[in-house]
Amino acid sequence: MYLGDYIVINDQIGEFTFSCESVSTGTLFSASVDQDKRAIYANRTLQDMHPSACPFLRPDGHLIRCTIHRDSPVQCKAYRCTAIRIIGEGGRLIGRVTGTLALHSDDPRLREIWNEIEKGRPVSDCDAEEWIASFLKMRGYRIE
């Protein structure tokens, strides 16, 4: 959440398009709010409560979402937050998928299923989290 100290918006160049800078590297980049996140982008509650939060994070129900997932800078793509928690039989946490869309689990069955996911996953990271969650739910896992 505190990547706001590292990402600044220099200029708004379109309704949902921005000229930005990755302060830690001095790298300039442009970012467009993902099409599927434009409705939640208008909610500035998080920025009002946490001024140093990333300017592109927005509340979405009980979640906090990156609204520029496709255009996010390298440090964000490398950030290892948990995007999906995978709950197995008995309500036990058996794996998690990080923001880099990598599986962290020792469960052999889940690792086999993950190989299937890797083969069929959408190319767009914007669609991947929902697709992965849906795929795992169809295999009987509970997703958080």
C-alpha atoms as a PDB file:
ATOM      1  CA  MET A   1       0.000   0.000   0.000  1.00  0.00           C
ATOM      2  CA  TYR A   2       2.885   2.367   0.658  1.00  0.00           C
ATOM      3  CA  LEU A   3       4.262   2.312  -2.855  1.00  0.00           C
ATOM      4  CA  GLY A   4       2.754   5.783  -3.062  1.00  0.00           C
ATOM      5  CA  ASP A   5       6.102   6.905  -1.728  1.00  0.00           C
ATOM      6  CA  TYR A   6       7.640   5.476  -4.899  1.00  0.00           C
ATOM      7  CA  ILE A   7       5.046   6.127  -7.599  1.00  0.00           C
ATOM      8  CA  VAL A   8       3.924   9.631  -8.418  1.00  0.00           C
ATOM      9  CA  ILE A   9       1.531  10.921 -11.020  1.00  0.00           C
ATOM     10  CA  ASN A  10       3.207  13.768 -12.898  1.00  0.00           C
ATOM     11  CA  ASP A  11       0.310  14.614 -15.184  1.00  0.00           C
ATOM     12  CA  GLN A  12      -3.105  13.368 -16.249  1.00  0.00           C
ATOM     13  CA  ILE A  13      -3.009  13.077 -20.033  1.00  0.00           C
ATOM     14  CA  GLY A  14      -6.431  11.540 -20.620  1.00  0.00           C
ATOM     15  CA  GLU A  15      -9.559  10.626 -18.677  1.00  0.00           C
ATOM     16  CA  PHE A  16      -7.925   7.461 -17.333  1.00  0.00           C
ATOM     17  CA  THR A  17      -4.337   7.901 -18.584  1.00  0.00           C
ATOM     18  CA  PHE A  18      -1.429   9.314 -16.625  1.00  0.00           C
ATOM     19  CA  SER A  19       2.219  10.237 -16.997  1.00  0.00           C
ATOM     20  CA  CYS A  20       3.981   8.789 -13.949  1.00  0.00           C
ATOM     21  CA  GLU A  21       7.377   8.357 -12.394  1.00  0.00           C
ATOM     22  CA  SER A  22       8.855   5.491 -10.451  1.00  0.00           C
ATOM     23  CA  VAL A  23      10.709   7.636  -7.901  1.00  0.00           C
ATOM     24  CA  SER A  24      13.091   4.917  -6.699  1.00  0.00           C
ATOM     25  CA  THR A  25      14.499   4.387 -10.203  1.00  0.00           C
ATOM     26  CA  GLY A  26      13.663   7.721 -11.837  1.00  0.00           C
ATOM     27  CA  THR A  27      11.865   5.789 -14.564  1.00  0.00           C
ATOM     28  CA  LEU A  28       9.029   7.532 -16.369  1.00  0.00           C
ATOM     29  CA  PHE A  29       6.063   5.439 -17.463  1.00  0.00           C
ATOM     30  CA  SER A  30       2.524   5.960 -18.664  1.00  0.00           C
ATOM     31  CA  ALA A  31      -0.355   4.165 -17.035  1.00  0.00           C
ATOM     32  CA  SER A  32      -3.957   3.695 -17.999  1.00  0.00           C
ATOM     33  CA  VAL A  33      -6.562   2.544 -15.518  1.00  0.00           C
ATOM     34  CA  ASP A  34      -7.605  -0.987 -16.477  1.00  0.00           C
ATOM     35  CA  GLN A  35     -10.943  -1.027 -18.284  1.00  0.00           C
ATOM     36  CA  ASP A  36     -12.506  -3.339 -15.679  1.00  0.00           C
ATOM     37  CA  LYS A  37     -11.406  -1.110 -12.782  1.00  0.00           C
ATOM     38  CA  ARG A  38     -12.571   2.294 -13.997  1.00  0.00           C
ATOM     39  CA  ALA A  39     -15.736   2.208 -11.891  1.00  0.00           C
ATOM     40  CA  ILE A  40     -13.788   1.729  -8.647  1.00  0.00           C
ATOM     41  CA  TYR A  41     -11.093   4.270  -9.623  1.00  0.00           C
ATOM     42  CA  ALA A  42     -13.420   7.167  -8.714  1.00  0.00           C
ATOM     43  CA  ASN A  43     -13.387   6.082  -5.051  1.00  0.00           C
ATOM     44  CA  ARG A  44     -10.641   8.113  -3.325  1.00  0.00           C
ATOM     45  CA  THR A  45     -11.419   6.907   0.210  1.00  0.00           C
ATOM     46  CA  LEU A  46      -8.109   5.049   0.534  1.00  0.00           C
ATOM     47  CA  GLN A  47      -6.039   8.047  -0.578  1.00  0.00           C
ATOM     48  CA  ASP A  48      -7.918  10.334   1.816  1.00  0.00           C
ATOM     49  CA  MET A  49      -7.275   7.971   4.738  1.00  0.00           C
ATOM     50  CA  HIS A  50      -3.711   7.020   3.712  1.00  0.00           C
ATOM     51  CA  PRO A  51      -2.032   9.887   1.812  1.00  0.00           C
ATOM     52  CA  SER A  52       1.115   7.844   1.174  1.00  0.00           C
ATOM     53  CA  ALA A  53      -0.810   4.957  -0.423  1.00  0.00           C
ATOM     54  CA  CYS A  54      -0.150   4.230  -4.064  1.00  0.00           C
ATOM     55  CA  PRO A  55      -2.275   6.648  -6.121  1.00  0.00           C
ATOM     56  CA  PHE A  56      -3.657   3.733  -8.140  1.00  0.00           C
ATOM     57  CA  LEU A  57      -4.929   1.532  -5.308  1.00  0.00           C
ATOM     58  CA  ARG A  58      -8.688   1.506  -4.729  1.00  0.00           C
ATOM     59  CA  PRO A  59     -11.077  -0.298  -2.391  1.00  0.00           C
ATOM     60  CA  ASP A  60     -13.254  -2.919  -4.028  1.00  0.00           C
ATOM     61  CA  GLY A  61     -15.509  -4.463  -1.402  1.00  0.00           C
ATOM     62  CA  HIS A  62     -13.226  -5.964   1.237  1.00  0.00           C
ATOM     63  CA  LEU A  63     -10.246  -5.948  -1.166  1.00  0.00           C
ATOM     64  CA  ILE A  64      -7.741  -3.296  -2.175  1.00  0.00           C
ATOM     65  CA  ARG A  65      -7.042  -3.475  -5.921  1.00  0.00           C
ATOM     66  CA  CYS A  66      -4.387  -2.087  -8.207  1.00  0.00           C
ATOM     67  CA  THR A  67      -6.225  -0.225 -10.963  1.00  0.00           C
ATOM     68  CA  ILE A  68      -3.256  -0.189 -13.390  1.00  0.00           C
ATOM     69  CA  HIS A  69      -2.293  -3.871 -13.186  1.00  0.00           C
ATOM     70  CA  ARG A  70      -1.396  -4.038 -16.893  1.00  0.00           C
ATOM     71  CA  ASP A  71       0.787  -0.894 -16.819  1.00  0.00           C
ATOM     72  CA  SER A  72       2.188  -1.138 -13.301  1.00  0.00           C
ATOM     73  CA  PRO A  73       5.937  -0.521 -12.961  1.00  0.00           C
ATOM     74  CA  VAL A  74       8.540  -3.222 -12.341  1.00  0.00           C
ATOM     75  CA  GLN A  75       8.645  -2.809  -8.556  1.00  0.00           C
ATOM     76  CA  CYS A  76       4.898  -3.457  -8.405  1.00  0.00           C
ATOM     77  CA  LYS A  77       5.060  -6.519 -10.630  1.00  0.00           C
ATOM     78  CA  ALA A  78       7.835  -7.902  -8.408  1.00  0.00           C
ATOM     79  CA  TYR A  79       5.920  -7.173  -5.191  1.00  0.00           C
ATOM     80  CA  ARG A  80       4.912 -10.466  -3.653  1.00  0.00           C
ATOM     81  CA  CYS A  81       1.547  -9.714  -2.104  1.00  0.00           C
ATOM     82  CA  THR A  82      -0.995 -12.501  -1.851  1.00  0.00           C
ATOM     83  CA  ALA A  83      -3.604 -12.163  -4.562  1.00  0.00           C
ATOM     84  CA  ILE A  84      -5.407 -15.470  -3.926  1.00  0.00           C
ATOM     85  CA  ARG A  85      -5.504 -17.712  -0.850  1.00  0.00           C
ATOM     86  CA  ILE A  86      -6.380 -21.343  -1.669  1.00  0.00           C
ATOM     87  CA  ILE A  87      -8.288 -23.250   0.998  1.00  0.00           C
ATOM     88  CA  GLY A  88      -8.436 -27.045   0.858  1.00  0.00           C
ATOM     89  CA  GLU A  89     -10.416 -29.692   2.712  1.00  0.00           C
ATOM     90  CA  GLY A  90     -11.097 -28.923   6.344  1.00  0.00           C
ATOM     91  CA  GLY A  91     -10.650 -25.190   5.766  1.00  0.00           C
ATOM     92  CA  ARG A  92      -6.853 -25.458   5.761  1.00  0.00           C
ATOM     93  CA  LEU A  93      -4.744 -22.952   3.787  1.00  0.00           C
ATOM     94  CA  ILE A  94      -2.872 -25.075   1.241  1.00  0.00           C
ATOM     95  CA  GLY A  95      -1.514 -22.450  -1.108  1.00  0.00           C
ATOM     96  CA  ARG A  96      -1.401 -18.863  -2.186  1.00  0.00           C
ATOM     97  CA  VAL A  97      -0.944 -17.040  -5.459  1.00  0.00           C
ATOM     98  CA  THR A  98       1.135 -13.910  -5.259  1.00  0.00           C
ATOM     99  CA  GLY A  99       0.632 -10.689  -7.183  1.00  0.00           C
ATOM    100  CA  THR A 100       3.219 -11.940  -9.671  1.00  0.00           C
ATOM    101  CA  LEU A 101       0.809 -14.834 -10.402  1.00  0.00           C
ATOM    102  CA  ALA A 102       3.108 -17.474  -8.923  1.00  0.00           C
ATOM    103  CA  LEU A 103       1.859 -20.403  -6.841  1.00  0.00           C
ATOM    104  CA  HIS A 104       3.353 -21.001  -3.401  1.00  0.00           C
ATOM    105  CA  SER A 105       2.307 -24.440  -2.153  1.00  0.00           C
ATOM    106  CA  ASP A 106       3.729 -27.802  -1.143  1.00  0.00           C
ATOM    107  CA  ASP A 107       0.471 -29.610  -1.955  1.00  0.00           C
ATOM    108  CA  PRO A 108       1.195 -32.104  -4.807  1.00  0.00           C
ATOM    109  CA  ARG A 109      -2.389 -32.156  -6.166  1.00  0.00           C
ATOM    110  CA  LEU A 110      -2.560 -28.361  -6.224  1.00  0.00           C
ATOM    111  CA  ARG A 111       0.808 -28.196  -8.009  1.00  0.00           C
ATOM    112  CA  GLU A 112      -0.543 -30.586 -10.692  1.00  0.00           C
ATOM    113  CA  ILE A 113      -3.604 -28.395 -11.154  1.00  0.00           C
ATOM    114  CA  TRP A 114      -1.335 -25.346 -11.322  1.00  0.00           C
ATOM    115  CA  ASN A 115       0.445 -26.921 -14.310  1.00  0.00           C
ATOM    116  CA  GLU A 116      -2.943 -27.058 -16.074  1.00  0.00           C
ATOM    117  CA  ILE A 117      -3.532 -23.424 -15.132  1.00  0.00           C
ATOM    118  CA  GLU A 118      -0.170 -22.368 -16.557  1.00  0.00           C
ATOM    119  CA  LYS A 119      -1.010 -23.987 -19.909  1.00  0.00           C
ATOM    120  CA  GLY A 120      -4.421 -22.321 -20.255  1.00  0.00           C
ATOM    121  CA  ARG A 121      -4.051 -19.032 -18.410  1.00  0.00           C
ATOM    122  CA  PRO A 122      -5.057 -15.868 -20.282  1.00  0.00           C
ATOM    123  CA  VAL A 123      -2.167 -13.804 -21.586  1.00  0.00           C
ATOM    124  CA  SER A 124      -3.525 -10.638 -19.972  1.00  0.00           C
ATOM    125  CA  ASP A 125      -2.667 -10.317 -16.280  1.00  0.00           C
ATOM    126  CA  CYS A 126      -5.825  -8.218 -15.943  1.00  0.00           C
ATOM    127  CA  ASP A 127      -7.964 -11.292 -16.589  1.00  0.00           C
ATOM    128  CA  ALA A 128      -5.685 -13.902 -15.023  1.00  0.00           C
ATOM    129  CA  GLU A 129      -6.604 -13.564 -11.329  1.00  0.00           C
ATOM    130  CA  GLU A 130     -10.322 -14.049 -11.954  1.00  0.00           C
ATOM    131  CA  TRP A 131      -9.651 -16.886 -14.392  1.00  0.00           C
ATOM    132  CA  ILE A 132      -7.325 -18.669 -11.933  1.00  0.00           C
ATOM    133  CA  ALA A 133      -9.823 -18.278  -9.080  1.00  0.00           C
ATOM    134  CA  SER A 134     -12.640 -19.643 -11.242  1.00  0.00           C
ATOM    135  CA  PHE A 135     -10.488 -22.582 -12.402  1.00  0.00           C
ATOM    136  CA  LEU A 136      -9.592 -23.488  -8.808  1.00  0.00           C
ATOM    137  CA  LYS A 137     -13.218 -23.190  -7.637  1.00  0.00           C
ATOM    138  CA  MET A 138     -14.267 -25.617 -10.385  1.00  0.00           C
ATOM    139  CA  ARG A 139     -11.701 -28.066  -8.937  1.00  0.00           C
ATOM    140  CA  GLY A 140     -13.348 -27.823  -5.502  1.00  0.00           C
ATOM    141  CA  TYR A 141     -11.107 -25.313  -3.749  1.00  0.00           C
ATOM    142  CA  ARG A 142     -12.370 -22.401  -1.699  1.00  0.00           C
ATOM    143  CA  ILE A 143     -10.771 -19.097  -2.689  1.00  0.00           C
ATOM    144  CA  GLU A 144     -10.200 -16.045  -0.498  1.00  0.00           C
END
